[in-house]
């Protein structure tokens, strides 16, 4: 299987709700001879409470159609490229900002 992780032209074939699901999707694609990698999104920056936003499943452009078809059959999802809701992303960003503000306040008060 070719290593595609360094390619610049990868396209999202699907969106997994968590790292475990992403690993399972990649394993299935590899069984069909399709190289895939996962790419984290907002959760990698704001890692509060684990996998909040999910993982993108990236494939080469020439494998996109086959990968989406395979993943759609695997998940039974009509929209395999669905992204996390904006409210989930806003919640993660708000939590990150609140924690950062709390740490700053602790530093200012000398309690940290």
N, C-alpha and C. Protein backbone atom coordinates (compact mmCIF):
# COMPACT_ATOMS: atom_id res chain seq x y z
N UNK A 1 0.85 -1.17 0.00
CA UNK A 1 0.00 0.00 0.00
C UNK A 1 0.90 1.24 0.00
N UNK A 2 0.60 2.16 -0.86
CA UNK A 2 1.40 3.39 -0.99
C UNK A 2 1.13 4.34 0.18
N UNK A 3 2.18 5.01 0.63
CA UNK A 3 2.03 6.00 1.69
C UNK A 3 1.61 7.32 1.05
N UNK A 4 0.40 7.75 1.33
CA UNK A 4 -0.13 8.97 0.72
C UNK A 4 -0.11 10.15 1.68
N UNK A 5 0.41 9.95 2.89
CA UNK A 5 0.33 10.99 3.92
C UNK A 5 1.03 12.29 3.55
N UNK A 6 1.99 12.24 2.65
CA UNK A 6 2.73 13.46 2.27
C UNK A 6 2.12 14.18 1.07
N UNK A 7 1.13 13.56 0.45
CA UNK A 7 0.52 14.18 -0.73
C UNK A 7 -0.26 15.42 -0.35
N UNK A 8 -0.21 16.40 -1.23
CA UNK A 8 -0.90 17.68 -1.00
C UNK A 8 -2.30 17.71 -1.59
N UNK A 9 -2.63 16.74 -2.45
CA UNK A 9 -3.90 16.78 -3.16
C UNK A 9 -4.96 15.85 -2.59
N UNK A 10 -4.82 15.45 -1.33
CA UNK A 10 -5.79 14.54 -0.73
C UNK A 10 -7.15 15.22 -0.57
N UNK A 11 -8.20 14.40 -0.69
CA UNK A 11 -9.57 14.90 -0.60
C UNK A 11 -10.30 14.12 0.48
N UNK A 12 -11.16 14.82 1.22
CA UNK A 12 -11.93 14.15 2.27
C UNK A 12 -12.95 13.22 1.65
N UNK A 13 -12.87 11.95 2.02
CA UNK A 13 -13.84 10.96 1.55
C UNK A 13 -14.97 10.79 2.54
N UNK A 14 -14.66 11.03 3.82
CA UNK A 14 -15.67 10.86 4.85
C UNK A 14 -15.24 11.59 6.11
N UNK A 15 -16.11 11.58 7.07
CA UNK A 15 -15.84 12.19 8.37
C UNK A 15 -16.22 11.17 9.43
N UNK A 16 -15.28 10.80 10.28
CA UNK A 16 -15.54 9.84 11.34
C UNK A 16 -15.80 10.58 12.65
N UNK A 17 -16.70 10.07 13.47
CA UNK A 17 -17.02 10.76 14.72
C UNK A 17 -15.90 10.72 15.76
N UNK A 18 -14.99 9.74 15.64
CA UNK A 18 -13.89 9.63 16.61
C UNK A 18 -12.72 8.88 15.97
N UNK A 19 -11.59 8.84 16.68
CA UNK A 19 -10.37 8.23 16.14
C UNK A 19 -10.55 6.73 15.91
N UNK A 20 -11.28 6.06 16.78
CA UNK A 20 -11.49 4.62 16.62
C UNK A 20 -12.27 4.31 15.34
N UNK A 21 -13.33 5.06 15.10
CA UNK A 21 -14.11 4.88 13.87
C UNK A 21 -13.27 5.18 12.65
N UNK A 22 -12.43 6.21 12.75
CA UNK A 22 -11.56 6.57 11.63
C UNK A 22 -10.60 5.43 11.31
N UNK A 23 -10.03 4.82 12.34
CA UNK A 23 -9.12 3.69 12.13
C UNK A 23 -9.83 2.52 11.47
N UNK A 24 -11.07 2.28 11.87
CA UNK A 24 -11.85 1.19 11.28
C UNK A 24 -12.14 1.48 9.80
N UNK A 25 -12.50 2.72 9.49
CA UNK A 25 -12.77 3.09 8.10
C UNK A 25 -11.53 2.92 7.24
N UNK A 26 -10.40 3.35 7.76
CA UNK A 26 -9.14 3.23 7.01
C UNK A 26 -8.80 1.77 6.78
N UNK A 27 -9.02 0.92 7.78
CA UNK A 27 -8.74 -0.51 7.64
C UNK A 27 -9.61 -1.13 6.54
N UNK A 28 -10.88 -0.75 6.50
CA UNK A 28 -11.77 -1.27 5.46
C UNK A 28 -11.31 -0.81 4.08
N UNK A 29 -10.97 0.47 3.96
CA UNK A 29 -10.51 0.97 2.65
C UNK A 29 -9.25 0.24 2.21
N UNK A 30 -8.34 -0.02 3.14
CA UNK A 30 -7.10 -0.71 2.79
C UNK A 30 -7.37 -2.15 2.34
N UNK A 31 -8.42 -2.78 2.87
CA UNK A 31 -8.81 -4.11 2.41
C UNK A 31 -9.21 -4.09 0.94
N UNK A 32 -9.71 -2.96 0.48
CA UNK A 32 -10.10 -2.81 -0.92
C UNK A 32 -8.98 -2.20 -1.77
N UNK A 33 -7.80 -2.06 -1.19
CA UNK A 33 -6.66 -1.54 -1.93
C UNK A 33 -6.61 -0.03 -2.05
N UNK A 34 -7.33 0.68 -1.19
CA UNK A 34 -7.36 2.13 -1.22
C UNK A 34 -6.56 2.67 -0.03
N UNK A 35 -5.54 3.45 -0.31
CA UNK A 35 -4.76 4.08 0.75
C UNK A 35 -5.53 5.27 1.30
N UNK A 36 -5.53 5.40 2.62
CA UNK A 36 -6.25 6.49 3.27
C UNK A 36 -5.50 6.90 4.53
N UNK A 37 -5.69 8.14 4.93
CA UNK A 37 -5.12 8.65 6.18
C UNK A 37 -6.20 9.44 6.89
N UNK A 38 -6.03 9.59 8.20
CA UNK A 38 -6.97 10.42 8.95
C UNK A 38 -6.30 11.73 9.28
N UNK A 39 -7.13 12.74 9.34
CA UNK A 39 -6.63 14.08 9.67
C UNK A 39 -7.59 14.68 10.70
N UNK A 40 -7.01 15.07 11.83
CA UNK A 40 -7.82 15.65 12.90
C UNK A 40 -8.22 17.06 12.57
N UNK A 41 -9.26 17.51 13.21
CA UNK A 41 -9.74 18.86 12.98
C UNK A 41 -9.58 19.71 14.22
N UNK A 42 -10.64 20.36 14.61
CA UNK A 42 -10.62 21.29 15.72
C UNK A 42 -10.21 20.61 17.02
N UNK A 43 -10.58 19.36 17.21
CA UNK A 43 -10.30 18.69 18.48
C UNK A 43 -8.81 18.60 18.77
N UNK A 44 -7.98 18.59 17.76
CA UNK A 44 -6.55 18.52 18.01
C UNK A 44 -6.03 19.80 18.64
N UNK A 45 -6.70 20.91 18.39
CA UNK A 45 -6.30 22.19 18.97
C UNK A 45 -6.92 22.35 20.35
N UNK A 46 -8.17 21.98 20.47
CA UNK A 46 -8.91 22.14 21.71
C UNK A 46 -9.23 20.76 22.29
N UNK A 47 -8.24 20.08 22.80
CA UNK A 47 -8.43 18.71 23.29
C UNK A 47 -8.97 18.76 24.72
N UNK A 48 -10.27 19.01 24.82
CA UNK A 48 -10.95 19.06 26.11
C UNK A 48 -11.98 17.94 26.11
N UNK A 49 -11.76 16.93 26.90
CA UNK A 49 -12.73 15.86 27.01
C UNK A 49 -12.69 14.85 25.88
N UNK A 50 -11.63 14.75 25.13
CA UNK A 50 -11.50 13.71 24.12
C UNK A 50 -11.97 14.13 22.74
N UNK A 51 -12.45 13.14 21.99
CA UNK A 51 -12.82 13.36 20.60
C UNK A 51 -14.18 14.03 20.50
N UNK A 52 -14.17 15.33 20.34
CA UNK A 52 -15.43 16.07 20.27
C UNK A 52 -15.87 16.23 18.82
N UNK A 53 -14.95 16.54 17.96
CA UNK A 53 -15.30 16.90 16.60
C UNK A 53 -15.11 15.77 15.60
N UNK A 54 -14.12 14.93 15.76
CA UNK A 54 -13.94 13.80 14.86
C UNK A 54 -12.70 13.87 14.01
N UNK A 55 -12.65 13.02 13.00
CA UNK A 55 -11.50 12.87 12.12
C UNK A 55 -11.95 12.85 10.65
N UNK A 56 -11.18 13.48 9.81
CA UNK A 56 -11.44 13.42 8.38
C UNK A 56 -10.71 12.21 7.81
N UNK A 57 -11.35 11.48 6.91
CA UNK A 57 -10.73 10.37 6.21
C UNK A 57 -10.33 10.90 4.83
N UNK A 58 -9.02 10.95 4.58
CA UNK A 58 -8.49 11.55 3.36
C UNK A 58 -7.99 10.48 2.41
N UNK A 59 -8.30 10.65 1.12
CA UNK A 59 -7.84 9.71 0.08
C UNK A 59 -7.33 10.50 -1.12
N UNK A 60 -6.64 9.79 -2.00
CA UNK A 60 -6.17 10.40 -3.25
C UNK A 60 -7.38 10.68 -4.15
N UNK A 61 -7.30 11.72 -4.97
CA UNK A 61 -8.44 12.06 -5.83
C UNK A 61 -8.92 10.89 -6.71
N UNK A 62 -7.98 10.10 -7.18
CA UNK A 62 -8.36 8.98 -8.06
C UNK A 62 -9.12 7.87 -7.33
N UNK A 63 -9.08 7.87 -6.00
CA UNK A 63 -9.78 6.86 -5.20
C UNK A 63 -11.05 7.38 -4.55
N UNK A 64 -11.35 8.64 -4.74
CA UNK A 64 -12.45 9.29 -4.02
C UNK A 64 -13.79 8.60 -4.22
N UNK A 65 -14.17 8.36 -5.45
CA UNK A 65 -15.48 7.78 -5.73
C UNK A 65 -15.62 6.39 -5.11
N UNK A 66 -14.63 5.55 -5.29
CA UNK A 66 -14.68 4.19 -4.73
C UNK A 66 -14.69 4.24 -3.21
N UNK A 67 -13.87 5.10 -2.63
CA UNK A 67 -13.80 5.20 -1.17
C UNK A 67 -15.13 5.63 -0.59
N UNK A 68 -15.76 6.62 -1.18
CA UNK A 68 -17.06 7.08 -0.67
C UNK A 68 -18.12 5.99 -0.78
N UNK A 69 -18.10 5.26 -1.87
CA UNK A 69 -19.07 4.18 -2.04
C UNK A 69 -18.86 3.08 -0.98
N UNK A 70 -17.62 2.70 -0.76
CA UNK A 70 -17.31 1.67 0.24
C UNK A 70 -17.70 2.14 1.64
N UNK A 71 -17.35 3.36 1.97
CA UNK A 71 -17.66 3.88 3.31
C UNK A 71 -19.16 4.08 3.51
N UNK A 72 -19.85 4.43 2.45
CA UNK A 72 -21.30 4.59 2.56
C UNK A 72 -21.94 3.23 2.85
N UNK A 73 -21.46 2.18 2.20
CA UNK A 73 -21.97 0.83 2.47
C UNK A 73 -21.62 0.39 3.89
N UNK A 74 -20.42 0.76 4.33
CA UNK A 74 -19.96 0.38 5.67
C UNK A 74 -20.79 1.05 6.77
N UNK A 75 -21.01 2.33 6.61
CA UNK A 75 -21.69 3.10 7.66
C UNK A 75 -23.20 3.15 7.50
N UNK A 76 -23.68 2.88 6.30
CA UNK A 76 -25.11 3.00 6.04
C UNK A 76 -25.56 4.44 6.04
N UNK A 77 -24.60 5.34 5.91
CA UNK A 77 -24.87 6.77 5.97
C UNK A 77 -24.99 7.32 4.56
N UNK A 78 -26.07 8.03 4.27
CA UNK A 78 -26.26 8.61 2.95
C UNK A 78 -25.34 9.80 2.69
N UNK A 79 -24.78 10.36 3.75
CA UNK A 79 -23.91 11.53 3.62
C UNK A 79 -22.57 11.25 4.32
N UNK A 80 -21.69 10.42 3.69
CA UNK A 80 -20.45 10.04 4.37
C UNK A 80 -19.49 11.19 4.60
N UNK A 81 -19.75 12.32 3.98
CA UNK A 81 -18.84 13.46 4.16
C UNK A 81 -19.39 14.48 5.14
N UNK A 82 -20.41 14.09 5.89
CA UNK A 82 -21.00 15.03 6.83
C UNK A 82 -19.96 15.54 7.82
N UNK A 83 -20.00 16.80 8.05
CA UNK A 83 -19.08 17.44 8.99
C UNK A 83 -19.77 17.61 10.33
N UNK A 84 -18.98 17.83 11.37
CA UNK A 84 -19.60 18.07 12.66
C UNK A 84 -20.45 19.34 12.61
N UNK A 85 -21.45 19.39 13.45
CA UNK A 85 -22.31 20.57 13.44
C UNK A 85 -21.53 21.80 13.90
N UNK A 86 -21.97 22.95 13.43
CA UNK A 86 -21.31 24.20 13.83
C UNK A 86 -21.45 24.42 15.33
N UNK A 87 -22.55 23.95 15.89
CA UNK A 87 -22.72 24.14 17.33
C UNK A 87 -21.68 23.35 18.12
N UNK A 88 -21.32 22.17 17.65
CA UNK A 88 -20.28 21.38 18.33
C UNK A 88 -18.94 22.10 18.25
N UNK A 89 -18.63 22.65 17.09
CA UNK A 89 -17.37 23.38 16.93
C UNK A 89 -17.36 24.62 17.81
N UNK A 90 -18.48 25.35 17.83
CA UNK A 90 -18.57 26.55 18.67
C UNK A 90 -18.44 26.20 20.15
N UNK A 91 -19.02 25.07 20.55
CA UNK A 91 -18.91 24.63 21.94
C UNK A 91 -17.47 24.35 22.31
N UNK A 92 -16.75 23.66 21.45
CA UNK A 92 -15.35 23.34 21.71
C UNK A 92 -14.52 24.62 21.80
N UNK A 93 -14.74 25.53 20.89
CA UNK A 93 -14.00 26.80 20.90
C UNK A 93 -14.34 27.60 22.15
N UNK A 94 -15.61 27.64 22.52
CA UNK A 94 -16.02 28.37 23.72
C UNK A 94 -15.40 27.76 24.98
N UNK A 95 -15.40 26.44 25.06
CA UNK A 95 -14.77 25.78 26.21
C UNK A 95 -13.28 26.10 26.27
N UNK A 96 -12.62 26.04 25.13
CA UNK A 96 -11.19 26.36 25.09
C UNK A 96 -10.93 27.79 25.54
N UNK A 97 -11.75 28.71 25.07
CA UNK A 97 -11.59 30.11 25.47
C UNK A 97 -11.86 30.30 26.96
N UNK A 98 -12.86 29.62 27.50
CA UNK A 98 -13.18 29.73 28.93
C UNK A 98 -12.03 29.19 29.78
N UNK A 99 -11.47 28.06 29.39
CA UNK A 99 -10.35 27.48 30.14
C UNK A 99 -9.14 28.42 30.07
N UNK A 100 -8.87 28.96 28.91
CA UNK A 100 -7.75 29.89 28.75
C UNK A 100 -7.95 31.13 29.62
N UNK A 101 -9.14 31.68 29.62
CA UNK A 101 -9.45 32.84 30.45
C UNK A 101 -9.27 32.51 31.93
N UNK A 102 -9.72 31.34 32.35
CA UNK A 102 -9.57 30.91 33.73
C UNK A 102 -8.10 30.82 34.13
N UNK A 103 -7.28 30.25 33.26
CA UNK A 103 -5.83 30.13 33.53
C UNK A 103 -5.19 31.51 33.62
N UNK A 104 -5.58 32.41 32.75
CA UNK A 104 -5.04 33.77 32.78
C UNK A 104 -5.41 34.46 34.10
N UNK A 105 -6.65 34.30 34.52
CA UNK A 105 -7.08 34.89 35.79
C UNK A 105 -6.30 34.30 36.96
N UNK A 106 -6.05 33.01 36.93
CA UNK A 106 -5.26 32.38 37.99
C UNK A 106 -3.83 32.93 38.00
N UNK A 107 -3.27 33.12 36.83
CA UNK A 107 -1.92 33.65 36.74
C UNK A 107 -1.85 35.08 37.26
N UNK A 108 -2.85 35.88 36.92
CA UNK A 108 -2.90 37.27 37.38
C UNK A 108 -3.01 37.33 38.90
N UNK A 109 -3.80 36.44 39.47
CA UNK A 109 -4.01 36.44 40.92
C UNK A 109 -2.87 35.73 41.65
N UNK A 110 -1.97 35.09 40.91
CA UNK A 110 -0.83 34.41 41.52
C UNK A 110 -1.17 33.09 42.18
N UNK A 111 -2.24 32.47 41.76
CA UNK A 111 -2.67 31.21 42.38
C UNK A 111 -2.20 29.99 41.61
N UNK A 112 -1.58 30.16 40.52
CA UNK A 112 -1.23 29.02 39.66
C UNK A 112 0.20 28.66 39.81
